[in-house]
Amino acid sequence: MKHSRDTIVILSTAPPTESEALARMLINHRYVACVNVVPVRSFYRWKREFCDDQEHLLIVKTTRERVDEVINAIKSIHSYETPEIIALPVIDGYLPYLEWVYQETHSEV
């Protein structure tokens, strides 16, 4: 059984019009086991301008081995010049769920 240290959560924001396509692509390629899509309001500064945007936060569950594939896949279809893509290690969790994440990302397509 895999350990929690093999599981990674990736956070990424996207326009609402792109989030479903991103989630489906990541799951269909088996880069990830699950993507939660949550509406968020983002405040930030971009190119010296204050921004206030409605976005979707993608909470992506994958494994350490798949992180580069996930990052490259998101970048390949994301419309942002510099998309947010942050990978966080899972330090603990329910082992049957973590094993499911591993199995989903390492099964045949």
N, C-alpha and C. Protein backbone atom coordinates (compact mmCIF):
# COMPACT_ATOMS: atom_id res chain seq x y z
N MET A 1 0.83 -1.18 0.00
CA MET A 1 0.00 0.00 0.00
C MET A 1 0.88 1.24 0.00
N LYS A 2 0.49 2.24 -0.73
CA LYS A 2 1.24 3.49 -0.79
C LYS A 2 1.02 4.28 0.50
N HIS A 3 1.96 5.14 0.78
CA HIS A 3 1.89 5.98 1.97
C HIS A 3 1.43 7.37 1.59
N SER A 4 1.00 8.12 2.60
CA SER A 4 0.49 9.46 2.35
C SER A 4 1.54 10.36 1.68
N ARG A 5 2.81 10.12 1.90
CA ARG A 5 3.83 10.99 1.32
C ARG A 5 3.89 10.88 -0.20
N ASP A 6 3.24 9.90 -0.78
CA ASP A 6 3.19 9.76 -2.23
C ASP A 6 2.06 10.57 -2.86
N THR A 7 1.15 11.07 -2.03
CA THR A 7 -0.02 11.79 -2.52
C THR A 7 0.27 13.29 -2.52
N ILE A 8 -0.17 13.95 -3.58
CA ILE A 8 0.03 15.38 -3.76
C ILE A 8 -1.31 16.02 -4.06
N VAL A 9 -1.54 17.21 -3.52
CA VAL A 9 -2.70 18.02 -3.87
C VAL A 9 -2.16 19.22 -4.66
N ILE A 10 -2.72 19.43 -5.83
CA ILE A 10 -2.34 20.57 -6.65
C ILE A 10 -3.50 21.55 -6.66
N LEU A 11 -3.19 22.81 -6.42
CA LEU A 11 -4.18 23.88 -6.49
C LEU A 11 -3.93 24.68 -7.76
N SER A 12 -5.01 24.96 -8.46
CA SER A 12 -4.91 25.78 -9.66
C SER A 12 -6.22 26.55 -9.82
N THR A 13 -6.12 27.78 -10.26
CA THR A 13 -7.32 28.54 -10.55
C THR A 13 -7.47 28.66 -12.06
N ALA A 14 -8.72 28.81 -12.49
CA ALA A 14 -9.00 28.92 -13.93
C ALA A 14 -10.30 29.70 -14.11
N PRO A 15 -10.48 30.25 -15.30
CA PRO A 15 -11.77 30.87 -15.59
C PRO A 15 -12.87 29.80 -15.52
N PRO A 16 -14.06 30.17 -15.08
CA PRO A 16 -15.15 29.19 -15.00
C PRO A 16 -15.41 28.46 -16.32
N THR A 17 -15.14 29.11 -17.43
CA THR A 17 -15.37 28.48 -18.74
C THR A 17 -14.36 27.40 -19.08
N GLU A 18 -13.26 27.31 -18.31
CA GLU A 18 -12.20 26.33 -18.61
C GLU A 18 -12.11 25.20 -17.59
N SER A 19 -12.70 25.37 -16.43
CA SER A 19 -12.46 24.41 -15.34
C SER A 19 -12.92 23.00 -15.66
N GLU A 20 -14.07 22.85 -16.27
CA GLU A 20 -14.56 21.50 -16.58
C GLU A 20 -13.65 20.81 -17.59
N ALA A 21 -13.22 21.51 -18.61
CA ALA A 21 -12.33 20.91 -19.62
C ALA A 21 -11.02 20.49 -18.98
N LEU A 22 -10.47 21.32 -18.10
CA LEU A 22 -9.23 20.96 -17.41
C LEU A 22 -9.43 19.71 -16.56
N ALA A 23 -10.50 19.68 -15.78
CA ALA A 23 -10.76 18.52 -14.91
C ALA A 23 -10.93 17.25 -15.72
N ARG A 24 -11.74 17.31 -16.77
CA ARG A 24 -11.98 16.11 -17.59
C ARG A 24 -10.69 15.62 -18.26
N MET A 25 -9.89 16.54 -18.77
CA MET A 25 -8.65 16.16 -19.44
C MET A 25 -7.71 15.47 -18.45
N LEU A 26 -7.56 16.03 -17.27
CA LEU A 26 -6.66 15.44 -16.27
C LEU A 26 -7.12 14.04 -15.85
N ILE A 27 -8.42 13.87 -15.67
CA ILE A 27 -8.94 12.57 -15.26
C ILE A 27 -8.89 11.57 -16.42
N ASN A 28 -9.26 11.99 -17.62
CA ASN A 28 -9.24 11.09 -18.77
C ASN A 28 -7.86 10.55 -19.09
N HIS A 29 -6.83 11.35 -18.83
CA HIS A 29 -5.45 10.89 -19.06
C HIS A 29 -4.88 10.13 -17.87
N ARG A 30 -5.68 10.02 -16.81
CA ARG A 30 -5.27 9.34 -15.57
C ARG A 30 -4.08 10.01 -14.90
N TYR A 31 -3.93 11.31 -15.14
CA TYR A 31 -2.90 12.07 -14.42
C TYR A 31 -3.32 12.31 -12.98
N VAL A 32 -4.64 12.30 -12.74
CA VAL A 32 -5.18 12.59 -11.42
C VAL A 32 -6.31 11.61 -11.11
N ALA A 33 -6.62 11.50 -9.83
CA ALA A 33 -7.74 10.65 -9.41
C ALA A 33 -9.02 11.45 -9.29
N CYS A 34 -8.89 12.70 -8.91
CA CYS A 34 -10.08 13.50 -8.59
C CYS A 34 -9.75 14.98 -8.74
N VAL A 35 -10.75 15.75 -9.18
CA VAL A 35 -10.63 17.20 -9.22
C VAL A 35 -11.90 17.78 -8.61
N ASN A 36 -11.75 18.57 -7.57
CA ASN A 36 -12.87 19.34 -7.02
C ASN A 36 -12.81 20.72 -7.63
N VAL A 37 -13.96 21.24 -8.04
CA VAL A 37 -14.03 22.57 -8.65
C VAL A 37 -14.91 23.44 -7.75
N VAL A 38 -14.30 24.51 -7.24
CA VAL A 38 -14.98 25.37 -6.28
C VAL A 38 -14.98 26.80 -6.80
N PRO A 39 -16.15 27.43 -6.88
CA PRO A 39 -16.17 28.85 -7.29
C PRO A 39 -15.48 29.71 -6.23
N VAL A 40 -14.63 30.61 -6.66
CA VAL A 40 -13.93 31.52 -5.75
C VAL A 40 -13.89 32.92 -6.36
N ARG A 41 -13.68 33.88 -5.51
CA ARG A 41 -13.45 35.26 -5.95
C ARG A 41 -12.00 35.57 -5.61
N SER A 42 -11.22 35.91 -6.62
CA SER A 42 -9.79 36.13 -6.45
C SER A 42 -9.45 37.62 -6.55
N PHE A 43 -8.69 38.07 -5.59
CA PHE A 43 -8.16 39.43 -5.59
C PHE A 43 -6.65 39.32 -5.74
N TYR A 44 -6.09 40.06 -6.66
CA TYR A 44 -4.64 40.00 -6.88
C TYR A 44 -4.21 41.19 -7.73
N ARG A 45 -2.91 41.37 -7.82
CA ARG A 45 -2.37 42.42 -8.67
C ARG A 45 -1.69 41.73 -9.85
N TRP A 46 -2.01 42.18 -11.05
CA TRP A 46 -1.42 41.62 -12.27
C TRP A 46 -1.05 42.78 -13.19
N LYS A 47 0.23 42.83 -13.54
CA LYS A 47 0.75 43.88 -14.42
C LYS A 47 0.35 45.27 -13.92
N ARG A 48 0.57 45.45 -12.61
CA ARG A 48 0.36 46.73 -11.91
C ARG A 48 -1.10 47.14 -11.79
N GLU A 49 -2.02 46.25 -12.08
CA GLU A 49 -3.44 46.56 -11.94
C GLU A 49 -4.06 45.65 -10.89
N PHE A 50 -4.95 46.23 -10.08
CA PHE A 50 -5.70 45.46 -9.11
C PHE A 50 -6.77 44.67 -9.85
N CYS A 51 -6.88 43.39 -9.54
CA CYS A 51 -7.86 42.53 -10.21
C CYS A 51 -8.82 41.93 -9.18
N ASP A 52 -10.05 41.76 -9.60
CA ASP A 52 -11.11 41.17 -8.78
C ASP A 52 -11.88 40.27 -9.75
N ASP A 53 -11.59 38.97 -9.72
CA ASP A 53 -12.15 38.05 -10.72
C ASP A 53 -12.89 36.88 -10.09
N GLN A 54 -13.94 36.45 -10.77
CA GLN A 54 -14.61 35.20 -10.44
C GLN A 54 -13.81 34.09 -11.14
N GLU A 55 -13.36 33.12 -10.37
CA GLU A 55 -12.59 32.01 -10.92
C GLU A 55 -13.11 30.72 -10.33
N HIS A 56 -12.57 29.61 -10.81
CA HIS A 56 -12.79 28.31 -10.19
C HIS A 56 -11.46 27.84 -9.64
N LEU A 57 -11.49 27.35 -8.42
CA LEU A 57 -10.32 26.73 -7.80
C LEU A 57 -10.41 25.24 -8.06
N LEU A 58 -9.39 24.70 -8.69
CA LEU A 58 -9.31 23.26 -8.92
C LEU A 58 -8.44 22.66 -7.82
N ILE A 59 -9.00 21.71 -7.10
CA ILE A 59 -8.27 20.99 -6.06
C ILE A 59 -8.05 19.59 -6.62
N VAL A 60 -6.82 19.33 -6.99
CA VAL A 60 -6.45 18.15 -7.78
C VAL A 60 -5.70 17.15 -6.91
N LYS A 61 -6.15 15.89 -6.92
CA LYS A 61 -5.45 14.85 -6.16
C LYS A 61 -4.71 13.93 -7.11
N THR A 62 -3.40 13.79 -6.86
CA THR A 62 -2.56 12.97 -7.72
C THR A 62 -1.43 12.37 -6.89
N THR A 63 -0.42 11.86 -7.56
CA THR A 63 0.75 11.31 -6.87
C THR A 63 1.99 12.08 -7.28
N ARG A 64 3.00 11.94 -6.46
CA ARG A 64 4.27 12.64 -6.71
C ARG A 64 4.80 12.34 -8.13
N GLU A 65 4.66 11.10 -8.56
CA GLU A 65 5.16 10.70 -9.89
C GLU A 65 4.45 11.41 -11.03
N ARG A 66 3.24 11.89 -10.81
CA ARG A 66 2.43 12.50 -11.87
C ARG A 66 2.47 14.03 -11.88
N VAL A 67 3.14 14.64 -10.93
CA VAL A 67 3.10 16.10 -10.80
C VAL A 67 3.55 16.81 -12.07
N ASP A 68 4.67 16.42 -12.65
CA ASP A 68 5.14 17.09 -13.86
C ASP A 68 4.14 16.96 -15.01
N GLU A 69 3.53 15.79 -15.14
CA GLU A 69 2.53 15.60 -16.19
C GLU A 69 1.32 16.50 -15.97
N VAL A 70 0.90 16.62 -14.72
CA VAL A 70 -0.25 17.47 -14.40
C VAL A 70 0.08 18.93 -14.71
N ILE A 71 1.24 19.39 -14.27
CA ILE A 71 1.64 20.78 -14.53
C ILE A 71 1.69 21.05 -16.03
N ASN A 72 2.33 20.16 -16.78
CA ASN A 72 2.42 20.36 -18.23
C ASN A 72 1.06 20.32 -18.91
N ALA A 73 0.19 19.43 -18.45
CA ALA A 73 -1.15 19.33 -19.04
C ALA A 73 -1.95 20.59 -18.77
N ILE A 74 -1.90 21.10 -17.56
CA ILE A 74 -2.63 22.33 -17.24
C ILE A 74 -2.10 23.48 -18.10
N LYS A 75 -0.78 23.62 -18.15
CA LYS A 75 -0.19 24.70 -18.95
C LYS A 75 -0.56 24.60 -20.42
N SER A 76 -0.72 23.38 -20.93
CA SER A 76 -0.97 23.19 -22.36
C SER A 76 -2.31 23.72 -22.83
N ILE A 77 -3.31 23.77 -21.94
CA ILE A 77 -4.63 24.25 -22.39
C ILE A 77 -5.15 25.44 -21.59
N HIS A 78 -4.41 25.89 -20.61
CA HIS A 78 -4.85 27.01 -19.77
C HIS A 78 -4.68 28.31 -20.53
N SER A 79 -5.63 29.22 -20.38
CA SER A 79 -5.58 30.48 -21.12
C SER A 79 -4.74 31.56 -20.43
N TYR A 80 -4.44 31.38 -19.15
CA TYR A 80 -3.67 32.40 -18.44
C TYR A 80 -2.21 32.37 -18.88
N GLU A 81 -1.62 33.54 -18.93
CA GLU A 81 -0.20 33.66 -19.25
C GLU A 81 0.66 32.97 -18.19
N THR A 82 0.26 33.14 -16.93
CA THR A 82 0.97 32.52 -15.81
C THR A 82 -0.06 31.89 -14.88
N PRO A 83 -0.50 30.67 -15.19
CA PRO A 83 -1.52 30.05 -14.34
C PRO A 83 -0.96 29.67 -12.96
N GLU A 84 -1.83 29.77 -11.97
CA GLU A 84 -1.47 29.29 -10.64
C GLU A 84 -1.46 27.77 -10.68
N ILE A 85 -0.33 27.19 -10.33
CA ILE A 85 -0.22 25.73 -10.19
C ILE A 85 0.70 25.50 -9.00
N ILE A 86 0.13 25.07 -7.90
CA ILE A 86 0.89 24.88 -6.66
C ILE A 86 0.70 23.45 -6.19
N ALA A 87 1.80 22.73 -5.99
CA ALA A 87 1.74 21.34 -5.53
C ALA A 87 2.08 21.27 -4.05
N LEU A 88 1.21 20.61 -3.29
CA LEU A 88 1.39 20.48 -1.85
C LEU A 88 1.44 19.01 -1.46
N PRO A 89 2.39 18.62 -0.63
CA PRO A 89 2.43 17.22 -0.19
C PRO A 89 1.33 16.94 0.83
N VAL A 90 0.79 15.75 0.77
CA VAL A 90 -0.16 15.29 1.78
C VAL A 90 0.67 14.60 2.86
N ILE A 91 0.56 15.08 4.08
CA ILE A 91 1.39 14.51 5.14
C ILE A 91 0.69 13.37 5.88
N ASP A 92 -0.63 13.29 5.74
CA ASP A 92 -1.36 12.20 6.37
C ASP A 92 -2.76 12.17 5.79
N GLY A 93 -3.46 11.07 5.97
CA GLY A 93 -4.81 10.95 5.46
C GLY A 93 -5.34 9.55 5.63
N TYR A 94 -6.56 9.35 5.18
CA TYR A 94 -7.22 8.05 5.26
C TYR A 94 -6.58 7.14 4.22
N LEU A 95 -5.87 6.12 4.67
CA LEU A 95 -5.06 5.29 3.77
C LEU A 95 -5.85 4.64 2.63
N PRO A 96 -7.07 4.15 2.85
CA PRO A 96 -7.81 3.60 1.70
C PRO A 96 -8.05 4.64 0.60
N TYR A 97 -8.30 5.89 0.98
CA TYR A 97 -8.47 6.95 -0.03
C TYR A 97 -7.16 7.22 -0.76
N LEU A 98 -6.08 7.30 -0.01
CA LEU A 98 -4.77 7.57 -0.61
C LEU A 98 -4.37 6.44 -1.56
N GLU A 99 -4.71 5.21 -1.20
CA GLU A 99 -4.44 4.07 -2.08
C GLU A 99 -5.29 4.18 -3.35
N TRP A 100 -6.53 4.62 -3.22
CA TRP A 100 -7.40 4.83 -4.39
C TRP A 100 -6.78 5.87 -5.32
N VAL A 101 -6.27 6.95 -4.78
CA VAL A 101 -5.60 7.97 -5.60
C VAL A 101 -4.47 7.32 -6.38
N TYR A 102 -3.67 6.53 -5.70
CA TYR A 102 -2.55 5.85 -6.38
C TYR A 102 -3.07 4.93 -7.48
N GLN A 103 -4.05 4.11 -7.18
CA GLN A 103 -4.57 3.15 -8.15
C GLN A 103 -5.15 3.87 -9.38
N GLU A 104 -5.89 4.95 -9.17
CA GLU A 104 -6.50 5.68 -10.28
C GLU A 104 -5.46 6.34 -11.19
N THR A 105 -4.33 6.70 -10.64
CA THR A 105 -3.30 7.38 -11.44
C THR A 105 -2.26 6.42 -12.01
N HIS A 106 -2.41 5.14 -11.71
CA HIS A 106 -1.46 4.15 -12.22
C HIS A 106 -2.14 2.98 -12.93
N SER A 107 -3.42 3.12 -13.23
CA SER A 107 -4.15 2.09 -13.97
C SER A 107 -4.01 2.35 -15.46
N GLU A 108 -4.33 1.35 -16.24
CA GLU A 108 -4.35 1.51 -17.69
C GLU A 108 -5.49 2.43 -18.09
N VAL A 109 -5.27 3.20 -19.11
CA VAL A 109 -6.30 4.15 -19.60
C VAL A 109 -7.43 3.36 -20.22
